[in-house]
């Protein structure tokens, strides 16, 4: 299945979106993690597109989307949620399901509790909760805030294989695609990950952005939480609290993964597909 590529101006900034499936079908929004791109969702999008229209944005400052000229004002969950609302409006999408990995799940939680309340019908949060483990945030900020540069794409791929080892098992072809869909070349000819390093200022300028228990407790919709068995970001006690309060999520542990499961196996496809099918 071949996706289509779209560029939409949302809240005054251009976002790139990859769209899969029949434009007349019900919609799943699939939103990627902090330093990644919408192309991370290719495998599960291709699978879900047999039944749903799957919309995979590049977040502002990532992939082929515009970099923000006002990073302190725009790299935060509230602005991303407002862009998501604008995106759905422009596509003419009244209601949708939401699948979000890490930051993408946090955006979904924020949007479902606020600007898209009543429009997001079901929410899948992939290894993210309303409370984050501080050491894991520090680890992610450490590599995301100072992306290295390499002479070759092959060397960049080896770097990705190292820092994203917790994603679980990826084939050589999947590692190559992950690399080729998230690389940009610098003026000196070297290559680096394809995002704006200023996006990590979210954690400095908006230090409470990911503290979302109030939003969680206000959610009126079914939620599925996928937790990597070895995740250092979504800790077991937080996942258990998500099971017991607010929307009382279904929590499923994914073996062989840390933060965050790559959503690239038939077993992971089936979990998401069954949940969205009700």
Protein backbone atom coordinates (compact mmCIF):
# COMPACT_ATOMS: atom_id res chain seq x y z
CA UNK A 1 0.00 0.00 0.00
CA UNK A 2 1.36 3.40 -1.01
CA UNK A 3 0.65 6.40 1.26
CA UNK A 4 0.04 9.96 0.11
CA UNK A 5 2.01 12.99 1.27
CA UNK A 6 0.36 16.24 2.38
CA UNK A 7 1.51 19.67 3.61
CA UNK A 8 -0.97 21.64 5.72
CA UNK A 9 -0.59 25.01 7.46
CA UNK A 10 -1.77 24.44 11.05
CA UNK A 11 -1.71 27.31 13.54
CA UNK A 12 0.43 29.22 11.04
CA UNK A 13 3.10 26.51 10.63
CA UNK A 14 3.44 23.94 7.87
CA UNK A 15 3.10 20.31 8.92
CA UNK A 16 3.89 17.31 6.78
CA UNK A 17 1.46 14.38 6.97
CA UNK A 18 1.63 10.89 5.52
CA UNK A 19 -1.85 9.44 4.94
CA UNK A 20 -2.72 5.79 4.39
CA UNK A 21 -5.88 4.00 3.31
CA UNK A 22 -9.28 4.93 1.98
CA UNK A 23 -10.08 8.64 2.54
CA UNK A 24 -13.71 7.60 3.18
CA UNK A 25 -12.86 5.24 6.04
CA UNK A 26 -12.93 5.96 9.77
CA UNK A 27 -9.73 7.65 10.93
CA UNK A 28 -6.82 6.71 13.15
CA UNK A 29 -4.30 9.45 13.95
CA UNK A 30 -0.88 7.88 14.59
CA UNK A 31 1.57 10.30 16.23
CA UNK A 32 5.26 9.60 16.76
CA UNK A 33 7.68 10.17 19.64
CA UNK A 34 9.81 13.12 20.71
CA UNK A 35 12.79 13.01 18.32
CA UNK A 36 11.24 10.88 15.60
CA UNK A 37 9.00 11.32 12.54
CA UNK A 38 5.64 10.11 11.33
CA UNK A 39 7.37 7.53 9.14
CA UNK A 40 8.02 5.49 12.29
CA UNK A 41 4.36 4.50 11.96
CA UNK A 42 4.73 3.00 8.46
CA UNK A 43 4.41 -0.64 9.52
CA UNK A 44 1.37 -0.33 11.74
CA UNK A 45 -0.20 2.28 9.44
CA UNK A 46 0.03 -0.06 6.45
CA UNK A 47 -1.65 -2.78 8.52
CA UNK A 48 -4.41 -0.60 9.99
CA UNK A 49 -5.08 0.99 6.60
CA UNK A 50 -6.79 -2.21 5.50
CA UNK A 51 -9.70 -0.96 7.61
CA UNK A 52 -9.03 2.68 8.62
CA UNK A 53 -7.72 5.91 7.16
CA UNK A 54 -4.43 6.43 9.03
CA UNK A 55 -3.00 9.95 9.40
CA UNK A 56 0.68 10.17 10.44
CA UNK A 57 1.94 13.72 11.06
CA UNK A 58 5.50 14.91 11.45
CA UNK A 59 5.40 17.06 14.60
CA UNK A 60 6.44 20.69 14.27
CA UNK A 61 10.25 20.76 14.11
CA UNK A 62 10.57 17.12 13.03
CA UNK A 63 10.93 15.38 9.70
CA UNK A 64 9.51 17.37 6.80
CA UNK A 65 7.46 19.74 8.98
CA UNK A 66 8.51 23.34 9.46
CA UNK A 67 10.86 24.25 12.29
CA UNK A 68 9.34 26.74 14.71
CA UNK A 69 10.69 30.30 14.57
CA UNK A 70 9.40 30.72 18.15
CA UNK A 71 10.54 27.50 19.88
CA UNK A 72 9.81 28.56 23.45
CA UNK A 73 6.23 29.45 22.51
CA UNK A 74 5.44 26.52 20.23
CA UNK A 75 7.37 23.40 21.23
CA UNK A 76 4.94 22.16 23.88
CA UNK A 77 1.92 19.89 24.18
CA UNK A 78 -0.70 22.63 24.11
CA UNK A 79 0.50 23.99 20.78
CA UNK A 80 0.85 20.52 19.29
CA UNK A 81 -2.73 19.73 20.37
CA UNK A 82 -3.98 22.95 18.78
CA UNK A 83 -2.20 21.99 15.56
CA UNK A 84 -3.80 18.54 15.74
CA UNK A 85 -7.23 20.17 16.02
CA UNK A 86 -6.45 22.36 13.00
CA UNK A 87 -5.17 19.33 11.08
CA UNK A 88 -8.36 17.34 11.69
CA UNK A 89 -10.48 20.32 10.70
CA UNK A 90 -8.62 20.72 7.42
CA UNK A 91 -8.97 17.03 6.60
CA UNK A 92 -12.67 17.23 7.47
CA UNK A 93 -12.35 14.61 10.22
CA UNK A 94 -15.13 14.87 12.79
CA UNK A 95 -14.02 11.95 14.98
CA UNK A 96 -11.02 9.66 15.16
CA UNK A 97 -9.08 7.16 17.19
CA UNK A 98 -5.60 8.15 18.38
CA UNK A 99 -2.43 6.06 18.57
CA UNK A 100 0.52 7.85 20.12
CA UNK A 101 4.04 6.69 20.90
CA UNK A 102 5.70 8.51 23.81
CA UNK A 103 5.24 12.25 23.12
CA UNK A 104 2.56 11.36 20.57
CA UNK A 105 0.58 9.67 23.33
CA UNK A 106 1.02 12.70 25.58
CA UNK A 107 -0.31 14.94 22.81
CA UNK A 108 -3.27 12.61 22.42
CA UNK A 109 -4.00 12.72 26.14
CA UNK A 110 -3.83 16.53 26.19
CA UNK A 111 -6.00 16.86 23.09
CA UNK A 112 -8.59 14.30 24.22
CA UNK A 113 -9.03 16.16 27.50
CA UNK A 114 -9.20 19.62 25.92
CA UNK A 115 -9.42 20.80 22.30
CA UNK A 116 -10.41 17.40 20.84
CA UNK A 117 -12.64 16.30 23.70
CA UNK A 118 -15.53 14.36 22.18
CA UNK A 119 -13.70 13.93 18.87
CA UNK A 120 -11.08 11.38 19.98
CA UNK A 121 -13.09 8.21 20.61
CA UNK A 122 -10.39 5.77 21.70
CA UNK A 123 -6.81 6.39 22.76
CA UNK A 124 -3.75 4.12 22.63
CA UNK A 125 -0.76 5.41 24.62
CA UNK A 126 2.44 3.59 23.67
CA UNK A 127 4.83 3.65 26.64
CA UNK A 128 3.77 7.00 28.02
CA UNK A 129 1.70 8.10 30.99
CA UNK A 130 0.60 11.22 32.85
CA UNK A 131 3.81 11.07 34.88
CA UNK A 132 7.34 10.46 33.57
CA UNK A 133 10.37 8.99 35.30
CA UNK A 134 12.90 11.80 35.71
CA UNK A 135 16.05 9.69 34.97
CA UNK A 136 14.54 8.55 31.67
CA UNK A 137 13.68 12.14 30.72
CA UNK A 138 17.28 13.12 31.46
CA UNK A 139 18.54 10.24 29.30
CA UNK A 140 16.35 11.23 26.37
CA UNK A 141 17.22 14.92 26.70
CA UNK A 142 20.88 13.94 26.71
CA UNK A 143 20.85 12.46 23.22
CA UNK A 144 17.98 14.47 21.72
CA UNK A 145 19.24 17.90 22.75
CA UNK A 146 22.69 17.47 21.19
CA UNK A 147 22.24 15.31 18.11
CA UNK A 148 25.57 14.08 16.76
CA UNK A 149 26.71 14.37 13.15
CA UNK A 150 28.38 11.65 11.10
CA UNK A 151 30.31 11.46 7.86
CA UNK A 152 28.12 8.67 6.49
CA UNK A 153 24.53 7.48 6.63
CA UNK A 154 25.83 4.06 7.65
CA UNK A 155 27.39 5.56 10.76
CA UNK A 156 24.13 7.34 11.58
CA UNK A 157 22.30 4.03 11.28
CA UNK A 158 24.66 2.43 13.79
CA UNK A 159 23.97 5.33 16.17
CA UNK A 160 20.21 4.82 15.80
CA UNK A 161 20.61 1.08 16.39
CA UNK A 162 22.35 1.91 19.66
CA UNK A 163 20.10 4.60 21.14
CA UNK A 164 16.87 2.96 19.95
CA UNK A 165 17.81 -0.57 20.94
CA UNK A 166 14.92 -0.52 23.48
CA UNK A 167 12.44 -0.37 20.57
CA UNK A 168 12.70 -4.16 20.37
CA UNK A 169 13.47 -6.32 17.35
CA UNK A 170 13.78 -4.51 14.03
CA UNK A 171 14.92 -6.12 10.79
CA UNK A 172 17.88 -4.72 8.88
CA UNK A 173 15.40 -3.26 6.39
CA UNK A 174 13.45 -1.57 9.18
CA UNK A 175 16.61 -0.04 10.66
CA UNK A 176 17.56 1.22 7.21
CA UNK A 177 14.12 2.77 6.66
CA UNK A 178 14.15 4.35 10.13
CA UNK A 179 17.48 5.95 9.24
CA UNK A 180 16.62 7.06 5.74
CA UNK A 181 13.33 8.64 6.85
CA UNK A 182 14.95 10.67 9.63
CA UNK A 183 18.24 11.98 8.24
CA UNK A 184 19.24 15.43 7.05
CA UNK A 185 22.54 16.61 5.61
CA UNK A 186 24.37 19.53 7.19
CA UNK A 187 26.11 22.32 5.24
CA UNK A 188 29.48 20.64 5.90
CA UNK A 189 28.25 17.43 4.24
CA UNK A 190 27.79 15.37 7.38
CA UNK A 191 24.44 13.80 8.33
CA UNK A 192 22.40 14.17 11.51
CA UNK A 193 18.90 13.26 12.79
CA UNK A 194 16.15 15.22 11.06
CA UNK A 195 14.74 17.46 13.79
CA UNK A 196 15.23 20.84 15.42
CA UNK A 197 17.38 20.38 18.56
CA UNK A 198 15.55 23.35 20.12
CA UNK A 199 12.48 21.16 20.59
CA UNK A 200 13.97 19.84 23.85
CA UNK A 201 13.58 23.32 25.32
CA UNK A 202 10.06 22.12 26.06
CA UNK A 203 11.48 20.50 29.20
CA UNK A 204 13.13 23.75 30.35
CA UNK A 205 10.51 26.33 29.39
CA UNK A 206 7.50 24.12 30.16
CA UNK A 207 8.82 21.89 32.95
CA UNK A 208 5.38 20.66 34.04
CA UNK A 209 4.15 19.93 30.51
CA UNK A 210 4.08 16.16 30.96
CA UNK A 211 2.45 16.22 34.40
CA UNK A 212 -1.03 15.27 33.19
CA UNK A 213 -2.88 13.47 35.99
CA UNK A 214 -5.66 16.08 35.91
CA UNK A 215 -6.15 15.46 32.19
CA UNK A 216 -6.00 11.71 32.78
CA UNK A 217 -8.65 11.78 35.47
CA UNK A 218 -10.92 13.83 33.20
CA UNK A 219 -10.76 11.45 30.22
CA UNK A 220 -14.20 10.05 29.30
CA UNK A 221 -12.97 7.52 26.69
CA UNK A 222 -11.50 4.00 26.59
CA UNK A 223 -7.69 3.90 26.79
CA UNK A 224 -5.19 1.16 26.01
CA UNK A 225 -1.71 1.54 27.49
CA UNK A 226 1.16 -0.41 25.97
CA UNK A 227 4.18 -0.60 28.27
CA UNK A 228 7.56 -1.92 27.25
CA UNK A 229 8.53 -4.57 29.80
CA UNK A 230 11.88 -2.85 30.37
CA UNK A 231 10.67 0.75 30.02
CA UNK A 232 12.49 3.32 32.12
CA UNK A 233 10.01 6.10 31.22
CA UNK A 234 6.65 4.56 32.11
CA UNK A 235 7.27 2.87 35.45
CA UNK A 236 5.14 -0.04 36.70
CA UNK A 237 3.55 1.93 39.54
CA UNK A 238 2.43 4.67 37.13
CA UNK A 239 0.99 2.09 34.74
CA UNK A 240 -0.85 0.48 37.65
CA UNK A 241 -2.28 3.85 38.68
CA UNK A 242 -3.47 4.35 35.09
CA UNK A 243 -5.29 1.05 35.41
CA UNK A 244 -7.02 2.08 38.65
CA UNK A 245 -8.00 5.71 38.17
CA UNK A 246 -9.44 8.05 35.56
CA UNK A 247 -10.54 6.06 32.51
CA UNK A 248 -9.17 2.85 34.08
CA UNK A 249 -7.02 1.87 31.15
CA UNK A 250 -6.35 -1.58 29.85
CA UNK A 251 -2.59 -2.01 30.38
CA UNK A 252 -0.62 -4.52 28.32
CA UNK A 253 3.09 -5.24 28.85
CA UNK A 254 5.10 -5.79 25.67
CA UNK A 255 7.98 -8.27 26.19
CA UNK A 256 11.41 -7.69 24.73
CA UNK A 257 11.05 -3.90 24.62
CA UNK A 258 11.92 -0.86 26.68
CA UNK A 259 10.97 2.66 25.67
CA UNK A 260 9.19 2.37 23.37
CA UNK A 261 7.79 -0.63 21.47
CA UNK A 262 8.27 -0.06 17.75
CA UNK A 263 4.70 -1.13 16.82
CA UNK A 264 6.17 -3.34 14.10
CA UNK A 265 5.06 -6.89 14.91
CA UNK A 266 1.84 -8.81 14.20
CA UNK A 267 1.20 -9.19 17.93
CA UNK A 268 1.44 -5.42 18.46
CA UNK A 269 -0.72 -4.77 15.38
CA UNK A 270 -3.39 -7.10 16.78
CA UNK A 271 -3.52 -5.38 20.17
CA UNK A 272 -4.14 -1.99 18.59
CA UNK A 273 -6.52 -3.30 15.93
CA UNK A 274 -8.72 -5.16 18.43
CA UNK A 275 -8.88 -2.13 20.70
CA UNK A 276 -9.89 0.29 17.95
CA UNK A 277 -12.45 -2.21 16.68
CA UNK A 278 -14.08 -2.15 20.10
